[in-house]
Amino acid sequence: MNNKKKLSEEEIQEKIRKVDGTMAQEGMPLTEEIKKKLYNCITGKSTYEQERKKVIEKYRRIYG
């Protein structure tokens, strides 16, 4: 979000609702944890790459 227009809280929540709705149609609604990750990525608190790395590390610890 470096050079993009800053989104309002309402716009951010709407984006997350749209993704959740789409995923729910496929039988995979978002968990609160995933919604938080999306929120952090949209607001610039985190990046896709950072969140992806966290998920991979989590499952490597669980499954080796």
PDB file of N, CA and C in Angstrom:
ATOM      1  N   MET A   1       0.826  -1.189   0.000  1.00  0.00           N
ATOM      2  CA  MET A   1       0.000   0.000   0.000  1.00  0.00           C
ATOM      3  C   MET A   1       0.870   1.253   0.000  1.00  0.00           C
ATOM      4  N   ASN A   2       2.115   1.139  -0.314  1.00  0.00           N
ATOM      5  CA  ASN A   2       3.020   2.277  -0.230  1.00  0.00           C
ATOM      6  C   ASN A   2       2.564   3.474  -1.037  1.00  0.00           C
ATOM      7  N   ASN A   3       2.312   3.291  -2.319  1.00  0.00           N
ATOM      8  CA  ASN A   3       1.975   4.413  -3.189  1.00  0.00           C
ATOM      9  C   ASN A   3       0.489   4.503  -3.496  1.00  0.00           C
ATOM     10  N   LYS A   4      -0.303   3.672  -2.865  1.00  0.00           N
ATOM     11  CA  LYS A   4      -1.726   3.650  -3.155  1.00  0.00           C
ATOM     12  C   LYS A   4      -2.483   4.529  -2.168  1.00  0.00           C
ATOM     13  N   LYS A   5      -3.710   4.885  -2.561  1.00  0.00           N
ATOM     14  CA  LYS A   5      -4.594   5.647  -1.696  1.00  0.00           C
ATOM     15  C   LYS A   5      -4.868   4.852  -0.422  1.00  0.00           C
ATOM     16  N   LYS A   6      -4.821   5.517   0.713  1.00  0.00           N
ATOM     17  CA  LYS A   6      -5.115   4.855   1.974  1.00  0.00           C
ATOM     18  C   LYS A   6      -6.611   4.557   2.045  1.00  0.00           C
ATOM     19  N   LEU A   7      -6.934   3.317   2.382  1.00  0.00           N
ATOM     20  CA  LEU A   7      -8.327   2.895   2.451  1.00  0.00           C
ATOM     21  C   LEU A   7      -8.913   3.220   3.818  1.00  0.00           C
ATOM     22  N   SER A   8     -10.195   3.504   3.825  1.00  0.00           N
ATOM     23  CA  SER A   8     -10.883   3.726   5.098  1.00  0.00           C
ATOM     24  C   SER A   8     -11.132   2.372   5.753  1.00  0.00           C
ATOM     25  N   GLU A   9     -11.427   2.394   7.036  1.00  0.00           N
ATOM     26  CA  GLU A   9     -11.731   1.164   7.763  1.00  0.00           C
ATOM     27  C   GLU A   9     -12.912   0.439   7.108  1.00  0.00           C
ATOM     28  N   GLU A  10     -13.900   1.199   6.691  1.00  0.00           N
ATOM     29  CA  GLU A  10     -15.076   0.617   6.031  1.00  0.00           C
ATOM     30  C   GLU A  10     -14.686  -0.092   4.734  1.00  0.00           C
ATOM     31  N   GLU A  11     -13.807   0.521   3.947  1.00  0.00           N
ATOM     32  CA  GLU A  11     -13.362  -0.088   2.688  1.00  0.00           C
ATOM     33  C   GLU A  11     -12.565  -1.368   2.950  1.00  0.00           C
ATOM     34  N   ILE A  12     -11.740  -1.338   3.982  1.00  0.00           N
ATOM     35  CA  ILE A  12     -10.951  -2.523   4.331  1.00  0.00           C
ATOM     36  C   ILE A  12     -11.876  -3.663   4.726  1.00  0.00           C
ATOM     37  N   GLN A  13     -12.833  -3.376   5.592  1.00  0.00           N
ATOM     38  CA  GLN A  13     -13.766  -4.407   6.041  1.00  0.00           C
ATOM     39  C   GLN A  13     -14.602  -4.948   4.881  1.00  0.00           C
ATOM     40  N   GLU A  14     -14.975  -4.084   3.946  1.00  0.00           N
ATOM     41  CA  GLU A  14     -15.737  -4.517   2.775  1.00  0.00           C
ATOM     42  C   GLU A  14     -14.914  -5.482   1.919  1.00  0.00           C
ATOM     43  N   LYS A  15     -13.636  -5.192   1.734  1.00  0.00           N
ATOM     44  CA  LYS A  15     -12.765  -6.090   0.971  1.00  0.00           C
ATOM     45  C   LYS A  15     -12.699  -7.464   1.635  1.00  0.00           C
ATOM     46  N   ILE A  16     -12.545  -7.475   2.949  1.00  0.00           N
ATOM     47  CA  ILE A  16     -12.466  -8.735   3.677  1.00  0.00           C
ATOM     48  C   ILE A  16     -13.786  -9.485   3.586  1.00  0.00           C
ATOM     49  N   ARG A  17     -14.911  -8.776   3.690  1.00  0.00           N
ATOM     50  CA  ARG A  17     -16.232  -9.425   3.559  1.00  0.00           C
ATOM     51  C   ARG A  17     -16.401 -10.051   2.179  1.00  0.00           C
ATOM     52  N   LYS A  18     -15.933  -9.364   1.139  1.00  0.00           N
ATOM     53  CA  LYS A  18     -16.053  -9.905  -0.220  1.00  0.00           C
ATOM     54  C   LYS A  18     -15.240 -11.193  -0.370  1.00  0.00           C
ATOM     55  N   VAL A  19     -14.016 -11.187   0.153  1.00  0.00           N
ATOM     56  CA  VAL A  19     -13.188 -12.392   0.082  1.00  0.00           C
ATOM     57  C   VAL A  19     -13.851 -13.514   0.877  1.00  0.00           C
ATOM     58  N   ASP A  20     -14.334 -13.190   2.068  1.00  0.00           N
ATOM     59  CA  ASP A  20     -14.997 -14.192   2.905  1.00  0.00           C
ATOM     60  C   ASP A  20     -16.228 -14.761   2.197  1.00  0.00           C
ATOM     61  N   GLY A  21     -17.012 -13.909   1.565  1.00  0.00           N
ATOM     62  CA  GLY A  21     -18.196 -14.361   0.849  1.00  0.00           C
ATOM     63  C   GLY A  21     -17.853 -15.296  -0.290  1.00  0.00           C
ATOM     64  N   THR A  22     -16.831 -14.955  -1.027  1.00  0.00           N
ATOM     65  CA  THR A  22     -16.396 -15.791  -2.142  1.00  0.00           C
ATOM     66  C   THR A  22     -15.898 -17.141  -1.643  1.00  0.00           C
ATOM     67  N   MET A  23     -15.100 -17.110  -0.597  1.00  0.00           N
ATOM     68  CA  MET A  23     -14.585 -18.363  -0.051  1.00  0.00           C
ATOM     69  C   MET A  23     -15.712 -19.201   0.556  1.00  0.00           C
ATOM     70  N   ALA A  24     -16.686 -18.570   1.186  1.00  0.00           N
ATOM     71  CA  ALA A  24     -17.817 -19.297   1.777  1.00  0.00           C
ATOM     72  C   ALA A  24     -18.622 -20.011   0.699  1.00  0.00           C
ATOM     73  N   GLN A  25     -18.747 -19.403  -0.472  1.00  0.00           N
ATOM     74  CA  GLN A  25     -19.466 -20.051  -1.572  1.00  0.00           C
ATOM     75  C   GLN A  25     -18.788 -21.355  -1.983  1.00  0.00           C
ATOM     76  N   GLU A  26     -17.498 -21.422  -1.763  1.00  0.00           N
ATOM     77  CA  GLU A  26     -16.737 -22.628  -2.093  1.00  0.00           C
ATOM     78  C   GLU A  26     -16.637 -23.579  -0.897  1.00  0.00           C
ATOM     79  N   GLY A  27     -17.340 -23.235   0.195  1.00  0.00           N
ATOM     80  CA  GLY A  27     -17.322 -24.085   1.375  1.00  0.00           C
ATOM     81  C   GLY A  27     -16.115 -23.877   2.274  1.00  0.00           C
ATOM     82  N   MET A  28     -15.434 -22.739   2.091  1.00  0.00           N
ATOM     83  CA  MET A  28     -14.227 -22.465   2.867  1.00  0.00           C
ATOM     84  C   MET A  28     -14.262 -21.057   3.463  1.00  0.00           C
ATOM     85  N   PRO A  29     -15.205 -20.786   4.375  1.00  0.00           N
ATOM     86  CA  PRO A  29     -15.257 -19.443   4.956  1.00  0.00           C
ATOM     87  C   PRO A  29     -13.969 -19.127   5.719  1.00  0.00           C
ATOM     88  N   LEU A  30     -13.629 -17.855   5.806  1.00  0.00           N
ATOM     89  CA  LEU A  30     -12.409 -17.439   6.476  1.00  0.00           C
ATOM     90  C   LEU A  30     -12.540 -17.537   7.989  1.00  0.00           C
ATOM     91  N   THR A  31     -11.457 -17.936   8.620  1.00  0.00           N
ATOM     92  CA  THR A  31     -11.409 -17.920  10.080  1.00  0.00           C
ATOM     93  C   THR A  31     -11.057 -16.508  10.529  1.00  0.00           C
ATOM     94  N   GLU A  32     -11.262 -16.237  11.813  1.00  0.00           N
ATOM     95  CA  GLU A  32     -10.886 -14.924  12.340  1.00  0.00           C
ATOM     96  C   GLU A  32      -9.383 -14.690  12.188  1.00  0.00           C
ATOM     97  N   GLU A  33      -8.591 -15.751  12.328  1.00  0.00           N
ATOM     98  CA  GLU A  33      -7.143 -15.640  12.168  1.00  0.00           C
ATOM     99  C   GLU A  33      -6.775 -15.193  10.749  1.00  0.00           C
ATOM    100  N   ILE A  34      -7.416 -15.782   9.770  1.00  0.00           N
ATOM    101  CA  ILE A  34      -7.127 -15.419   8.379  1.00  0.00           C
ATOM    102  C   ILE A  34      -7.610 -14.003   8.089  1.00  0.00           C
ATOM    103  N   LYS A  35      -8.765 -13.631   8.628  1.00  0.00           N
ATOM    104  CA  LYS A  35      -9.256 -12.264   8.442  1.00  0.00           C
ATOM    105  C   LYS A  35      -8.269 -11.251   9.023  1.00  0.00           C
ATOM    106  N   LYS A  36      -7.676 -11.590  10.162  1.00  0.00           N
ATOM    107  CA  LYS A  36      -6.693 -10.697  10.774  1.00  0.00           C
ATOM    108  C   LYS A  36      -5.451 -10.582   9.887  1.00  0.00           C
ATOM    109  N   LYS A  37      -5.020 -11.704   9.310  1.00  0.00           N
ATOM    110  CA  LYS A  37      -3.868 -11.678   8.408  1.00  0.00           C
ATOM    111  C   LYS A  37      -4.162 -10.798   7.191  1.00  0.00           C
ATOM    112  N   LEU A  38      -5.348 -10.944   6.616  1.00  0.00           N
ATOM    113  CA  LEU A  38      -5.740 -10.110   5.489  1.00  0.00           C
ATOM    114  C   LEU A  38      -5.732  -8.631   5.873  1.00  0.00           C
ATOM    115  N   TYR A  39      -6.305  -8.339   7.030  1.00  0.00           N
ATOM    116  CA  TYR A  39      -6.365  -6.960   7.519  1.00  0.00           C
ATOM    117  C   TYR A  39      -4.949  -6.384   7.638  1.00  0.00           C
ATOM    118  N   ASN A  40      -4.049  -7.149   8.226  1.00  0.00           N
ATOM    119  CA  ASN A  40      -2.676  -6.678   8.394  1.00  0.00           C
ATOM    120  C   ASN A  40      -1.984  -6.441   7.057  1.00  0.00           C
ATOM    121  N   CYS A  41      -2.262  -7.296   6.089  1.00  0.00           N
ATOM    122  CA  CYS A  41      -1.669  -7.111   4.754  1.00  0.00           C
ATOM    123  C   CYS A  41      -2.246  -5.872   4.067  1.00  0.00           C
ATOM    124  N   ILE A  42      -3.545  -5.688   4.152  1.00  0.00           N
ATOM    125  CA  ILE A  42      -4.189  -4.544   3.501  1.00  0.00           C
ATOM    126  C   ILE A  42      -3.717  -3.231   4.113  1.00  0.00           C
ATOM    127  N   THR A  43      -3.549  -3.211   5.434  1.00  0.00           N
ATOM    128  CA  THR A  43      -3.160  -1.966   6.111  1.00  0.00           C
ATOM    129  C   THR A  43      -1.658  -1.724   6.087  1.00  0.00           C
ATOM    130  N   GLY A  44      -0.897  -2.687   5.604  1.00  0.00           N
ATOM    131  CA  GLY A  44       0.546  -2.511   5.509  1.00  0.00           C
ATOM    132  C   GLY A  44       1.306  -2.909   6.761  1.00  0.00           C
ATOM    133  N   LYS A  45       0.625  -3.498   7.732  1.00  0.00           N
ATOM    134  CA  LYS A  45       1.304  -3.945   8.949  1.00  0.00           C
ATOM    135  C   LYS A  45       2.130  -5.194   8.689  1.00  0.00           C
ATOM    136  N   SER A  46       1.811  -5.878   7.615  1.00  0.00           N
ATOM    137  CA  SER A  46       2.499  -7.098   7.229  1.00  0.00           C
ATOM    138  C   SER A  46       2.455  -7.190   5.712  1.00  0.00           C
ATOM    139  N   THR A  47       3.124  -8.183   5.174  1.00  0.00           N
ATOM    140  CA  THR A  47       3.079  -8.407   3.733  1.00  0.00           C
ATOM    141  C   THR A  47       2.648  -9.845   3.466  1.00  0.00           C
ATOM    142  N   TYR A  48       2.248 -10.079   2.247  1.00  0.00           N
ATOM    143  CA  TYR A  48       1.867 -11.430   1.829  1.00  0.00           C
ATOM    144  C   TYR A  48       3.026 -12.396   2.094  1.00  0.00           C
ATOM    145  N   GLU A  49       4.222 -11.974   1.746  1.00  0.00           N
ATOM    146  CA  GLU A  49       5.385 -12.838   1.906  1.00  0.00           C
ATOM    147  C   GLU A  49       5.631 -13.188   3.374  1.00  0.00           C
ATOM    148  N   GLN A  50       5.498 -12.199   4.267  1.00  0.00           N
ATOM    149  CA  GLN A  50       5.700 -12.444   5.694  1.00  0.00           C
ATOM    150  C   GLN A  50       4.654 -13.413   6.237  1.00  0.00           C
ATOM    151  N   GLU A  51       3.404 -13.202   5.866  1.00  0.00           N
ATOM    152  CA  GLU A  51       2.327 -14.067   6.353  1.00  0.00           C
ATOM    153  C   GLU A  51       2.471 -15.479   5.804  1.00  0.00           C
ATOM    154  N   ARG A  52       2.845 -15.590   4.546  1.00  0.00           N
ATOM    155  CA  ARG A  52       3.050 -16.910   3.927  1.00  0.00           C
ATOM    156  C   ARG A  52       4.153 -17.657   4.655  1.00  0.00           C
ATOM    157  N   LYS A  53       5.246 -16.965   4.960  1.00  0.00           N
ATOM    158  CA  LYS A  53       6.362 -17.578   5.665  1.00  0.00           C
ATOM    159  C   LYS A  53       5.930 -18.080   7.049  1.00  0.00           C
ATOM    160  N   LYS A  54       5.117 -17.302   7.753  1.00  0.00           N
ATOM    161  CA  LYS A  54       4.631 -17.708   9.079  1.00  0.00           C
ATOM    162  C   LYS A  54       3.811 -18.992   8.991  1.00  0.00           C
ATOM    163  N   VAL A  55       2.936 -19.069   7.988  1.00  0.00           N
ATOM    164  CA  VAL A  55       2.086 -20.255   7.828  1.00  0.00           C
ATOM    165  C   VAL A  55       2.941 -21.479   7.504  1.00  0.00           C
ATOM    166  N   ILE A  56       3.894 -21.325   6.610  1.00  0.00           N
ATOM    167  CA  ILE A  56       4.772 -22.451   6.247  1.00  0.00           C
ATOM    168  C   ILE A  56       5.562 -22.930   7.460  1.00  0.00           C
ATOM    169  N   GLU A  57       6.092 -21.977   8.229  1.00  0.00           N
ATOM    170  CA  GLU A  57       6.857 -22.352   9.427  1.00  0.00           C
ATOM    171  C   GLU A  57       5.970 -23.073  10.445  1.00  0.00           C
ATOM    172  N   LYS A  58       4.751 -22.600  10.611  1.00  0.00           N
ATOM    173  CA  LYS A  58       3.810 -23.218  11.553  1.00  0.00           C
ATOM    174  C   LYS A  58       3.571 -24.680  11.188  1.00  0.00           C
ATOM    175  N   TYR A  59       3.289 -24.951   9.923  1.00  0.00           N
ATOM    176  CA  TYR A  59       2.983 -26.317   9.520  1.00  0.00           C
ATOM    177  C   TYR A  59       4.221 -27.194   9.424  1.00  0.00           C
ATOM    178  N   ARG A  60       5.380 -26.610   9.224  1.00  0.00           N
ATOM    179  CA  ARG A  60       6.615 -27.408   9.270  1.00  0.00           C
ATOM    180  C   ARG A  60       6.862 -27.897  10.689  1.00  0.00           C
ATOM    181  N   ARG A  61       6.576 -27.043  11.677  1.00  0.00           N
ATOM    182  CA  ARG A  61       6.744 -27.465  13.080  1.00  0.00           C
ATOM    183  C   ARG A  61       5.763 -28.589  13.421  1.00  0.00           C
ATOM    184  N   ILE A  62       4.560 -28.504  12.879  1.00  0.00           N
ATOM    185  CA  ILE A  62       3.531 -29.510  13.182  1.00  0.00           C
ATOM    186  C   ILE A  62       3.812 -30.826  12.465  1.00  0.00           C
ATOM    187  N   TYR A  63       4.116 -30.748  11.176  1.00  0.00           N
ATOM    188  CA  TYR A  63       4.215 -31.948  10.349  1.00  0.00           C
ATOM    189  C   TYR A  63       5.638 -32.339   9.965  1.00  0.00           C
ATOM    190  N   GLY A  64       6.599 -31.531  10.375  1.00  0.00           N
ATOM    191  CA  GLY A  64       7.991 -31.867  10.110  1.00  0.00           C
ATOM    192  C   GLY A  64       8.401 -31.541   8.785  1.00  0.00           C
TER     193      GLY A  64
END
